[in-house]
Amino acid sequence: MLSRRRFLQTVSAGVLASFDALAAPERERVKITDIKVMMLQGPRTYTLIKVLTDAGVYGIGEGYGSPGGGVKEGVLS
């Protein structure tokens, strides 16, 4: 079975190689400064997560789990 880690390694070796080269100078120097979680109510509960760094780089993703409220506490703990 292909793990997520192995899949990402394979993809980064090919398609994302140029992005990996761009990130190389900043590797080991960027630190996470904050994690923000937003809960959205719709047909189900959506959990959006934003990770901020000291270099101004950020990432946004969706957290999954049940119940939706438990995801927020899990991310922030």
N, C-alpha and C. Protein backbone atom coordinates (compact mmCIF):
# COMPACT_ATOMS: atom_id res chain seq x y z
N MET A 1 0.84 -1.19 0.00
CA MET A 1 0.00 0.00 0.00
C MET A 1 0.88 1.24 0.00
N LEU A 2 0.50 2.22 -0.76
CA LEU A 2 1.25 3.46 -0.87
C LEU A 2 0.85 4.41 0.25
N SER A 3 1.81 4.79 1.09
CA SER A 3 1.51 5.71 2.18
C SER A 3 1.47 7.15 1.66
N ARG A 4 0.87 8.01 2.43
CA ARG A 4 0.81 9.43 2.05
C ARG A 4 2.21 10.01 1.95
N ARG A 5 3.07 9.66 2.91
CA ARG A 5 4.44 10.17 2.91
C ARG A 5 5.19 9.75 1.64
N ARG A 6 5.05 8.47 1.27
CA ARG A 6 5.73 7.96 0.07
C ARG A 6 5.17 8.62 -1.18
N PHE A 7 3.85 8.82 -1.23
CA PHE A 7 3.23 9.49 -2.36
C PHE A 7 3.79 10.91 -2.52
N LEU A 8 3.86 11.66 -1.42
CA LEU A 8 4.36 13.03 -1.49
C LEU A 8 5.84 13.06 -1.87
N GLN A 9 6.62 12.10 -1.40
CA GLN A 9 8.02 12.04 -1.80
C GLN A 9 8.15 11.80 -3.30
N THR A 10 7.32 10.92 -3.82
CA THR A 10 7.35 10.61 -5.25
C THR A 10 6.95 11.83 -6.07
N VAL A 11 5.88 12.50 -5.66
CA VAL A 11 5.41 13.69 -6.37
C VAL A 11 6.45 14.80 -6.31
N SER A 12 7.02 15.02 -5.14
CA SER A 12 7.99 16.12 -5.00
C SER A 12 9.25 15.85 -5.81
N ALA A 13 9.58 14.60 -6.04
CA ALA A 13 10.76 14.28 -6.85
C ALA A 13 10.53 14.63 -8.31
N GLY A 14 9.29 14.66 -8.75
CA GLY A 14 8.99 14.93 -10.15
C GLY A 14 8.41 16.30 -10.37
N VAL A 15 7.11 16.39 -10.21
CA VAL A 15 6.36 17.61 -10.53
C VAL A 15 6.77 18.80 -9.68
N LEU A 16 7.03 18.57 -8.40
CA LEU A 16 7.31 19.67 -7.48
C LEU A 16 8.80 19.96 -7.28
N ALA A 17 9.66 19.40 -8.12
CA ALA A 17 11.10 19.57 -7.95
C ALA A 17 11.51 21.04 -7.99
N SER A 18 10.91 21.83 -8.86
CA SER A 18 11.28 23.25 -8.94
C SER A 18 10.88 24.00 -7.66
N PHE A 19 9.75 23.64 -7.07
CA PHE A 19 9.33 24.26 -5.82
C PHE A 19 10.26 23.85 -4.68
N ASP A 20 10.71 22.62 -4.71
CA ASP A 20 11.65 22.14 -3.70
C ASP A 20 12.95 22.93 -3.77
N ALA A 21 13.42 23.23 -4.97
CA ALA A 21 14.65 24.01 -5.14
C ALA A 21 14.46 25.44 -4.64
N LEU A 22 13.28 26.01 -4.86
CA LEU A 22 13.01 27.37 -4.37
C LEU A 22 12.98 27.43 -2.84
N ALA A 23 12.49 26.36 -2.21
CA ALA A 23 12.35 26.33 -0.76
C ALA A 23 13.66 25.98 -0.05
N ALA A 24 14.62 25.42 -0.77
CA ALA A 24 15.87 24.94 -0.15
C ALA A 24 16.58 25.99 0.71
N PRO A 25 16.73 27.25 0.27
CA PRO A 25 17.44 28.22 1.11
C PRO A 25 16.74 28.51 2.44
N GLU A 26 15.44 28.33 2.49
CA GLU A 26 14.69 28.65 3.70
C GLU A 26 14.48 27.44 4.61
N ARG A 27 14.83 26.27 4.14
CA ARG A 27 14.64 25.06 4.93
C ARG A 27 15.40 25.16 6.24
N GLU A 28 14.79 24.72 7.30
CA GLU A 28 15.37 24.76 8.66
C GLU A 28 15.37 26.16 9.26
N ARG A 29 14.96 27.17 8.52
CA ARG A 29 14.97 28.53 9.07
C ARG A 29 13.58 29.07 9.35
N VAL A 30 12.57 28.51 8.74
CA VAL A 30 11.21 28.98 8.92
C VAL A 30 10.59 28.28 10.13
N LYS A 31 9.98 29.06 11.00
CA LYS A 31 9.35 28.52 12.21
C LYS A 31 7.86 28.83 12.21
N ILE A 32 7.07 27.89 12.68
CA ILE A 32 5.63 28.11 12.83
C ILE A 32 5.41 29.07 13.99
N THR A 33 4.65 30.13 13.73
CA THR A 33 4.38 31.12 14.78
C THR A 33 2.96 31.03 15.33
N ASP A 34 2.02 30.54 14.53
CA ASP A 34 0.64 30.49 15.00
C ASP A 34 -0.16 29.48 14.18
N ILE A 35 -1.17 28.93 14.79
CA ILE A 35 -2.12 28.05 14.11
C ILE A 35 -3.52 28.57 14.43
N LYS A 36 -4.27 28.88 13.39
CA LYS A 36 -5.63 29.39 13.56
C LYS A 36 -6.61 28.36 13.02
N VAL A 37 -7.72 28.20 13.74
CA VAL A 37 -8.75 27.24 13.35
C VAL A 37 -10.08 27.95 13.24
N MET A 38 -10.81 27.70 12.14
CA MET A 38 -12.11 28.31 11.94
C MET A 38 -13.12 27.19 11.68
N MET A 39 -14.23 27.24 12.38
CA MET A 39 -15.30 26.26 12.21
C MET A 39 -16.40 26.89 11.34
N LEU A 40 -16.83 26.19 10.31
CA LEU A 40 -17.91 26.65 9.44
C LEU A 40 -19.06 25.65 9.52
N GLN A 41 -20.28 26.17 9.65
CA GLN A 41 -21.45 25.32 9.72
C GLN A 41 -22.15 25.32 8.36
N GLY A 42 -22.45 24.17 7.87
CA GLY A 42 -23.17 24.00 6.62
C GLY A 42 -23.94 22.70 6.72
N PRO A 43 -24.03 21.96 5.62
CA PRO A 43 -24.65 20.64 5.70
C PRO A 43 -23.91 19.75 6.71
N ARG A 44 -22.66 20.06 6.92
CA ARG A 44 -21.86 19.41 7.96
C ARG A 44 -20.93 20.47 8.53
N THR A 45 -20.16 20.12 9.54
CA THR A 45 -19.23 21.08 10.13
C THR A 45 -17.90 20.99 9.39
N TYR A 46 -17.42 22.13 8.91
CA TYR A 46 -16.14 22.21 8.21
C TYR A 46 -15.13 22.87 9.14
N THR A 47 -13.92 22.34 9.15
CA THR A 47 -12.85 22.90 9.97
C THR A 47 -11.72 23.35 9.06
N LEU A 48 -11.46 24.66 9.01
CA LEU A 48 -10.35 25.20 8.23
C LEU A 48 -9.20 25.52 9.17
N ILE A 49 -7.99 25.19 8.75
CA ILE A 49 -6.80 25.40 9.57
C ILE A 49 -5.81 26.24 8.78
N LYS A 50 -5.29 27.28 9.42
CA LYS A 50 -4.28 28.14 8.80
C LYS A 50 -3.02 28.10 9.67
N VAL A 51 -1.90 27.74 9.08
CA VAL A 51 -0.63 27.68 9.78
C VAL A 51 0.21 28.86 9.30
N LEU A 52 0.63 29.71 10.24
CA LEU A 52 1.42 30.91 9.93
C LEU A 52 2.87 30.70 10.34
N THR A 53 3.80 31.32 9.59
CA THR A 53 5.22 31.21 9.92
C THR A 53 5.84 32.59 10.10
N ASP A 54 7.04 32.60 10.66
CA ASP A 54 7.74 33.87 10.87
C ASP A 54 8.25 34.48 9.58
N ALA A 55 8.27 33.72 8.48
CA ALA A 55 8.74 34.22 7.19
C ALA A 55 7.58 34.78 6.35
N GLY A 56 6.37 34.78 6.90
CA GLY A 56 5.23 35.27 6.17
C GLY A 56 4.58 34.22 5.28
N VAL A 57 5.13 33.03 5.26
CA VAL A 57 4.56 31.93 4.49
C VAL A 57 3.45 31.29 5.31
N TYR A 58 2.35 30.94 4.67
CA TYR A 58 1.26 30.29 5.40
C TYR A 58 0.65 29.19 4.54
N GLY A 59 -0.04 28.30 5.20
CA GLY A 59 -0.74 27.23 4.52
C GLY A 59 -2.13 27.10 5.08
N ILE A 60 -3.07 26.73 4.21
CA ILE A 60 -4.46 26.57 4.62
C ILE A 60 -4.90 25.16 4.23
N GLY A 61 -5.59 24.49 5.15
CA GLY A 61 -6.08 23.15 4.87
C GLY A 61 -7.37 22.89 5.62
N GLU A 62 -7.94 21.73 5.37
CA GLU A 62 -9.18 21.35 6.04
C GLU A 62 -8.89 20.20 6.98
N GLY A 63 -9.42 20.30 8.20
CA GLY A 63 -9.28 19.23 9.17
C GLY A 63 -10.50 18.34 9.13
N TYR A 64 -10.28 17.04 9.24
CA TYR A 64 -11.38 16.08 9.20
C TYR A 64 -11.47 15.34 10.51
N GLY A 65 -12.66 14.96 10.87
CA GLY A 65 -12.87 14.17 12.07
C GLY A 65 -14.31 14.26 12.50
N SER A 66 -14.62 13.53 13.53
CA SER A 66 -15.98 13.55 14.04
C SER A 66 -15.93 13.48 15.56
N PRO A 67 -16.61 14.29 16.28
CA PRO A 67 -17.42 15.40 15.79
C PRO A 67 -16.54 16.57 15.34
N GLY A 68 -17.13 17.48 14.56
CA GLY A 68 -16.37 18.61 14.02
C GLY A 68 -15.72 19.45 15.09
N GLY A 69 -16.38 19.66 16.22
CA GLY A 69 -15.82 20.46 17.30
C GLY A 69 -14.57 19.85 17.90
N GLY A 70 -14.47 18.52 17.89
CA GLY A 70 -13.30 17.84 18.43
C GLY A 70 -12.05 18.02 17.60
N VAL A 71 -12.22 18.33 16.32
CA VAL A 71 -11.08 18.55 15.44
C VAL A 71 -10.33 19.81 15.87
N LYS A 72 -11.06 20.86 16.18
CA LYS A 72 -10.43 22.13 16.60
C LYS A 72 -9.58 21.91 17.84
N GLU A 73 -10.11 21.22 18.83
CA GLU A 73 -9.36 20.99 20.07
C GLU A 73 -8.14 20.12 19.80
N GLY A 74 -8.27 19.16 18.90
CA GLY A 74 -7.15 18.30 18.56
C GLY A 74 -6.03 19.05 17.86
N VAL A 75 -6.37 19.98 17.00
CA VAL A 75 -5.37 20.77 16.28
C VAL A 75 -4.66 21.71 17.24
N LEU A 76 -5.39 22.33 18.13
CA LEU A 76 -4.80 23.33 19.02
C LEU A 76 -4.09 22.72 20.22
N SER A 77 -4.23 21.43 20.48
CA SER A 77 -3.55 20.83 21.63
C SER A 77 -2.15 20.38 21.30
